[in-house]
Amino acid sequence: MSNPYDVLGVPQNATREQINAAYREKARIYSEKNQISKLDELNEAYDSVILNAGSSGQRQSSSSSYSYGYKTVNNYDDIIAKINAHRLEDAQILLDGIPESSRDAEWYYLKGTVFQMKGWLDQAANMFATAHGMDPKNGKYRQAYENVISQQSGGYKAQRSRSSNSGCDDSVCSMCMGLLCLDSCCECMGGDCIPGC
């Protein structure tokens, strides 16, 4: 592998913030251009630099505090970088490694974000609700919760009434409504998700 610092485009004495910023920017560019091999090389370089920084005592941000390799303060740069690069399994592993006693509202928000990106909307709603409950003044948590609830209901804010005589399983109806919505959006953009509909 090439020099990981060169791959990231940072000097060897770069701070963690500089490394994370460079990683996020290059990951965004490679993702947009669908350059998978470059993205893989970038991920490998990032992991190598971060691991070396932790073992060699390289200069780290004074705002970060680490316990057994995981952040114990509200600084989740590594996890956010993984989420932004769509490395959801890696982000989930890092999140799960944080002790329960250190899990704050931001932890629940990020865990909800991972679940939402995986399409696990019930779990995402639970995580966002917990984050919002822990910090009700944070609009980001409230908005995330409202968005996932809206996503669960097919884009409608109001709950549909459930009637035992409707003859329709609510999950099937939700799926059908979601597909019809998707088809409408695709047709607006010149595509067709459900031919003939």
Protein backbone atom coordinates (compact mmCIF):
# COMPACT_ATOMS: atom_id res chain seq x y z
CA MET A 1 0.00 0.00 0.00
CA SER A 2 1.11 3.57 -0.66
CA ASN A 3 2.01 5.85 2.22
CA PRO A 4 -1.34 6.25 4.02
CA TYR A 5 -0.65 9.91 4.77
CA ASP A 6 -0.11 10.56 1.06
CA VAL A 7 -3.35 8.72 0.23
CA LEU A 8 -5.21 10.92 2.72
CA GLY A 9 -3.33 14.04 1.60
CA VAL A 10 -2.22 15.05 5.10
CA PRO A 11 1.21 15.52 6.70
CA GLN A 12 2.47 12.88 9.15
CA ASN A 13 2.05 15.31 12.06
CA ALA A 14 -1.62 16.02 11.19
CA THR A 15 -4.12 16.25 14.02
CA ARG A 16 -7.05 13.87 14.27
CA GLU A 17 -9.36 16.67 13.08
CA GLN A 18 -7.23 17.23 9.97
CA ILE A 19 -7.16 13.49 9.26
CA ASN A 20 -10.93 13.17 9.68
CA ALA A 21 -11.62 16.24 7.53
CA ALA A 22 -9.35 14.99 4.74
CA TYR A 23 -10.91 11.52 4.94
CA ARG A 24 -14.47 12.84 4.78
CA GLU A 25 -13.73 15.10 1.81
CA LYS A 26 -12.00 12.38 -0.23
CA ALA A 27 -14.64 9.77 0.72
CA ARG A 28 -17.37 12.14 -0.49
CA ILE A 29 -15.58 12.72 -3.82
CA TYR A 30 -14.82 9.02 -4.41
CA SER A 31 -18.38 8.04 -3.48
CA GLU A 32 -19.86 10.60 -5.87
CA LYS A 33 -17.61 9.39 -8.70
CA ASN A 34 -18.22 5.73 -7.75
CA GLN A 35 -14.48 5.09 -7.51
CA ILE A 36 -14.69 1.97 -5.36
CA SER A 37 -11.01 0.99 -5.58
CA LYS A 38 -9.91 4.49 -4.52
CA LEU A 39 -12.47 4.43 -1.70
CA ASP A 40 -11.13 1.07 -0.51
CA GLU A 41 -7.57 2.42 -0.58
CA LEU A 42 -8.71 5.53 1.30
CA ASN A 43 -10.48 3.43 3.97
CA GLU A 44 -7.39 1.28 4.42
CA ALA A 45 -5.18 4.37 4.72
CA TYR A 46 -7.55 6.00 7.22
CA ASP A 47 -7.68 2.87 9.38
CA SER A 48 -3.89 2.57 9.27
CA VAL A 49 -3.30 6.20 10.24
CA ILE A 50 -5.87 6.14 13.05
CA LEU A 51 -4.48 2.89 14.47
CA ASN A 52 -0.91 4.21 14.26
CA ALA A 53 -1.94 7.47 15.90
CA GLY A 54 -3.45 5.59 18.81
CA SER A 55 -0.45 3.30 19.36
CA SER A 56 2.35 5.81 18.82
CA GLY A 57 0.90 8.55 20.98
CA GLN A 58 0.65 10.91 18.02
CA ARG A 59 -0.84 14.28 18.80
CA GLN A 60 -4.58 14.10 19.24
CA SER A 61 -7.21 16.71 19.80
CA SER A 62 -7.28 18.04 23.32
CA SER A 63 -11.08 17.89 23.21
CA SER A 64 -11.04 14.09 22.84
CA SER A 65 -10.82 11.64 25.68
CA TYR A 66 -10.35 7.94 25.09
CA SER A 67 -11.11 4.91 27.19
CA TYR A 68 -10.13 1.49 25.85
CA GLY A 69 -9.91 2.91 22.34
CA TYR A 70 -13.36 4.50 22.31
CA LYS A 71 -14.37 8.08 22.86
CA THR A 72 -15.98 8.83 26.16
CA VAL A 73 -17.01 12.40 25.36
CA ASN A 74 -19.34 13.89 22.77
CA ASN A 75 -16.78 13.60 19.98
CA TYR A 76 -17.73 10.90 17.51
CA ASP A 77 -15.59 11.97 14.53
CA ASP A 78 -14.47 8.44 13.63
CA ILE A 79 -18.02 7.09 13.70
CA ILE A 80 -19.42 10.04 11.74
CA ALA A 81 -16.69 9.56 9.12
CA LYS A 82 -17.65 5.88 8.79
CA ILE A 83 -21.35 6.77 8.45
CA ASN A 84 -20.60 9.44 5.84
CA ALA A 85 -18.57 6.88 3.88
CA HIS A 86 -21.48 4.41 4.14
CA ARG A 87 -19.34 2.02 6.18
CA LEU A 88 -22.34 1.22 8.35
CA GLU A 89 -21.06 -2.07 9.76
CA ASP A 90 -17.83 -0.38 10.89
CA ALA A 91 -19.79 2.50 12.44
CA GLN A 92 -22.07 0.05 14.23
CA ILE A 93 -19.11 -1.90 15.61
CA LEU A 94 -17.57 1.31 16.97
CA LEU A 95 -20.89 2.40 18.48
CA ASP A 96 -21.50 -0.99 20.09
CA GLY A 97 -18.01 -0.89 21.61
CA ILE A 98 -18.83 2.22 23.64
CA PRO A 99 -19.78 1.22 27.20
CA GLU A 100 -23.43 1.77 28.13
CA SER A 101 -22.41 4.14 30.90
CA SER A 102 -20.85 6.47 28.30
CA ARG A 103 -23.76 6.48 25.85
CA ASP A 104 -25.23 9.95 25.58
CA ALA A 105 -27.95 11.44 23.36
CA GLU A 106 -25.53 11.78 20.43
CA TRP A 107 -24.71 8.06 20.67
CA TYR A 108 -28.40 7.19 20.34
CA TYR A 109 -28.77 9.65 17.46
CA LEU A 110 -25.84 8.10 15.56
CA LYS A 111 -27.08 4.57 16.27
CA GLY A 112 -30.50 5.64 14.95
CA THR A 113 -28.84 7.08 11.85
CA VAL A 114 -27.11 3.75 11.16
CA PHE A 115 -30.40 1.88 11.62
CA GLN A 116 -32.25 4.34 9.37
CA MET A 117 -29.64 4.02 6.61
CA LYS A 118 -29.99 0.23 6.84
CA GLY A 119 -33.76 0.58 6.51
CA TRP A 120 -34.47 -0.62 10.05
CA LEU A 121 -37.01 2.11 10.78
CA ASP A 122 -38.50 0.72 14.02
CA GLN A 123 -35.07 0.49 15.65
CA ALA A 124 -34.14 3.93 14.27
CA ALA A 125 -37.32 5.45 15.72
CA ASN A 126 -36.51 3.97 19.14
CA MET A 127 -32.97 5.36 19.06
CA PHE A 128 -34.09 8.83 17.91
CA ALA A 129 -36.84 8.87 20.57
CA THR A 130 -34.27 8.04 23.25
CA ALA A 131 -31.90 10.76 21.99
CA HIS A 132 -34.76 13.29 21.95
CA GLY A 133 -35.85 12.21 25.43
CA MET A 134 -32.32 12.69 26.78
CA ASP A 135 -31.93 16.12 25.17
CA PRO A 136 -35.39 17.54 24.30
CA LYS A 137 -33.97 20.97 23.40
CA ASN A 138 -31.89 19.54 20.54
CA GLY A 139 -33.83 20.14 17.33
CA LYS A 140 -31.66 17.69 15.38
CA TYR A 141 -32.87 14.77 17.50
CA ARG A 142 -36.52 15.84 17.29
CA GLN A 143 -36.27 16.30 13.51
CA ALA A 144 -34.63 12.90 13.05
CA TYR A 145 -37.41 11.26 15.06
CA GLU A 146 -40.13 13.05 13.09
CA ASN A 147 -38.46 12.15 9.79
CA VAL A 148 -38.26 8.45 10.57
CA ILE A 149 -41.87 8.39 11.80
CA SER A 150 -42.88 10.10 8.55
CA GLN A 151 -40.81 7.58 6.61
CA GLN A 152 -42.50 4.70 8.45
CA SER A 153 -45.94 6.02 7.55
CA GLY A 154 -45.14 6.41 3.86
CA GLY A 155 -44.57 10.15 4.10
CA TYR A 156 -47.78 11.02 5.91
CA LYS A 157 -47.51 12.66 9.31
CA ALA A 158 -50.95 11.60 10.52
CA GLN A 159 -51.43 8.00 11.52
CA ARG A 160 -53.78 6.09 9.26
CA SER A 161 -56.78 4.73 11.08
CA ARG A 162 -56.78 0.99 11.48
CA SER A 163 -60.03 -0.77 10.92
CA SER A 164 -60.47 -4.45 11.61
CA ASN A 165 -62.96 -4.60 8.72
CA SER A 166 -60.57 -3.13 6.14
CA GLY A 167 -59.29 -6.55 5.09
CA CYS A 168 -55.84 -5.07 4.62
CA ASP A 169 -52.78 -5.88 6.67
CA ASP A 170 -51.28 -2.51 7.67
CA SER A 171 -47.71 -3.56 6.78
CA VAL A 172 -48.81 -4.69 3.31
CA CYS A 173 -50.72 -1.44 2.79
CA SER A 174 -47.67 0.54 3.91
CA MET A 175 -45.45 -1.35 1.50
CA CYS A 176 -47.87 -0.81 -1.40
CA MET A 177 -48.23 2.88 -0.62
CA GLY A 178 -44.45 3.19 -0.42
CA LEU A 179 -44.02 1.52 -3.81
CA LEU A 180 -46.66 3.75 -5.41
CA CYS A 181 -44.95 6.81 -3.93
CA LEU A 182 -41.58 5.59 -5.21
CA ASP A 183 -43.06 4.99 -8.67
CA SER A 184 -44.53 8.50 -8.75
CA CYS A 185 -41.18 10.02 -7.79
CA CYS A 186 -39.36 7.95 -10.40
CA GLU A 187 -41.81 8.97 -13.10
CA CYS A 188 -41.33 12.64 -12.19
CA MET A 189 -37.60 12.15 -12.81
CA GLY A 190 -38.12 10.35 -16.14
CA GLY A 191 -37.87 6.77 -14.84
CA ASP A 192 -40.42 4.09 -14.11
CA CYS A 193 -40.20 1.88 -11.04
CA ILE A 194 -43.43 -0.06 -11.73
CA PRO A 195 -43.95 -0.44 -15.50
CA GLY A 196 -47.51 0.19 -16.62
CA CYS A 197 -48.59 1.86 -13.41
